[in-house]
Protein backbone atom coordinates (compact mmCIF):
# COMPACT_ATOMS: atom_id res chain seq x y z
CA MET A 1 99.98 74.33 67.68
CA LYS A 2 101.80 71.65 65.61
CA ASP A 3 98.77 69.60 65.27
CA ARG A 4 96.94 71.78 62.91
CA PHE A 5 99.54 74.38 61.80
CA ASP A 6 103.32 74.69 62.02
CA LYS A 7 104.87 77.62 63.01
CA ARG A 8 105.87 78.94 59.61
CA ILE A 9 102.32 79.07 58.49
CA LEU A 10 101.26 80.63 61.67
CA ASP A 11 104.01 83.20 61.16
CA ILE A 12 102.49 84.03 57.34
CA LEU A 13 99.21 84.35 58.87
CA GLU A 14 100.70 86.77 61.59
CA TRP A 15 98.87 84.69 64.00
CA PRO A 16 101.11 86.03 66.66
CA LEU A 17 100.09 89.48 66.42
CA ILE A 18 96.39 88.65 66.06
CA GLU A 19 96.42 86.78 69.08
CA GLU A 20 98.39 89.36 70.97
CA LYS A 21 95.73 92.15 69.75
CA ILE A 22 92.75 89.85 70.76
CA ILE A 23 94.18 89.23 74.11
CA SER A 24 94.70 92.85 74.72
CA LEU A 25 90.97 93.50 74.03
CA CYS A 26 90.06 91.19 76.94
CA VAL A 27 89.28 92.52 80.25
CA SER A 28 89.23 89.54 82.57
CA ASP A 29 92.01 87.03 83.14
CA SER A 30 89.78 84.19 82.14
CA ALA A 31 88.64 86.06 78.83
CA LYS A 32 92.58 86.15 78.39
CA ARG A 33 93.20 82.54 78.96
CA LEU A 34 90.41 81.49 76.71
CA ALA A 35 91.81 83.87 73.81
CA SER A 36 94.88 82.66 74.32
CA LYS A 37 93.75 79.02 73.33
CA LEU A 38 92.21 80.53 70.10
CA LYS A 39 93.48 78.83 67.04
CA PRO A 40 92.95 79.85 63.10
CA VAL A 41 90.19 78.06 61.40
CA PRO A 42 91.23 75.15 59.07
CA GLU A 43 90.94 75.95 55.25
CA SER A 44 88.13 73.57 54.55
CA LYS A 45 86.09 75.36 57.04
CA VAL A 46 86.72 78.70 55.72
CA LYS A 47 86.14 77.86 52.35
CA VAL A 48 82.46 76.59 53.33
CA GLN A 49 81.83 79.61 55.26
CA MET A 50 83.11 81.78 52.21
CA LYS A 51 80.58 79.99 50.17
CA LYS A 52 77.70 80.89 52.56
CA ILE A 53 78.87 84.48 52.94
CA SER A 54 79.21 85.05 49.12
CA ALA A 55 75.53 83.38 48.39
CA MET A 56 74.23 86.08 51.11
CA LYS A 57 76.15 88.85 49.39
CA ASP A 58 74.39 87.84 46.18
CA LEU A 59 71.17 87.90 47.50
CA ILE A 60 71.53 91.12 49.16
CA GLN A 61 73.13 92.64 45.88
CA ARG A 62 70.02 91.55 44.06
CA GLY A 63 68.04 93.30 46.50
CA ASN A 64 66.88 90.25 48.46
CA ALA A 65 68.19 91.21 51.83
CA PRO A 66 67.61 88.72 54.75
CA GLN A 67 65.08 89.40 57.34
CA LEU A 68 66.57 90.73 60.56
CA SER A 69 63.70 91.24 62.64
CA GLY A 70 64.34 88.52 64.84
CA ILE A 71 68.03 89.39 65.53
CA SER A 72 68.45 91.40 68.78
CA ASP A 73 72.15 92.01 68.75
CA ILE A 74 72.63 94.32 65.61
CA GLY A 75 72.98 97.93 66.74
CA LYS A 76 71.39 100.85 64.91
CA GLY A 77 73.16 101.41 61.63
CA GLU A 78 75.23 98.58 61.69
CA PHE A 79 73.10 96.84 58.79
CA SER A 80 73.95 99.79 56.78
CA ALA A 81 77.59 99.57 57.49
CA LEU A 82 77.39 95.86 56.31
CA MET A 83 75.69 97.09 53.03
CA SER A 84 78.50 99.75 52.65
CA PHE A 85 80.92 96.77 52.95
CA PHE A 86 79.35 94.80 50.21
CA ARG A 87 79.53 97.68 47.99
CA LEU A 88 83.10 98.15 48.97
CA SER A 89 84.15 94.22 48.39
CA SER A 90 82.25 94.18 44.97
CA SER A 91 83.97 97.20 43.59
CA PRO A 92 87.15 96.65 41.34
CA LEU A 93 90.35 96.77 42.82
CA PRO A 94 92.77 99.44 41.96
CA PRO A 95 95.38 98.42 39.59
CA LYS A 96 98.98 97.24 41.09
CA GLU A 97 101.82 99.31 40.51
């Protein structure tokens, strides 16, 4: 853990709680072992992924939705849920009290 993130950072990220939740969702012991080895993604990689996601979001908002015909693991109605998420994420935040 020390090689990438110190304990303070992991606590700020609430990593122990996230890790516990992920492990609780695992069924097999081997899955639990693998889940316990997960570590947060470094900030540099998060920034790259956020740029990609933002670009995809912009395309979708402009009406240029990506072709999903070749993707087999999206369930019925899940793309609609994704679009709802994008609408919510682009709405203004409520004022802070």
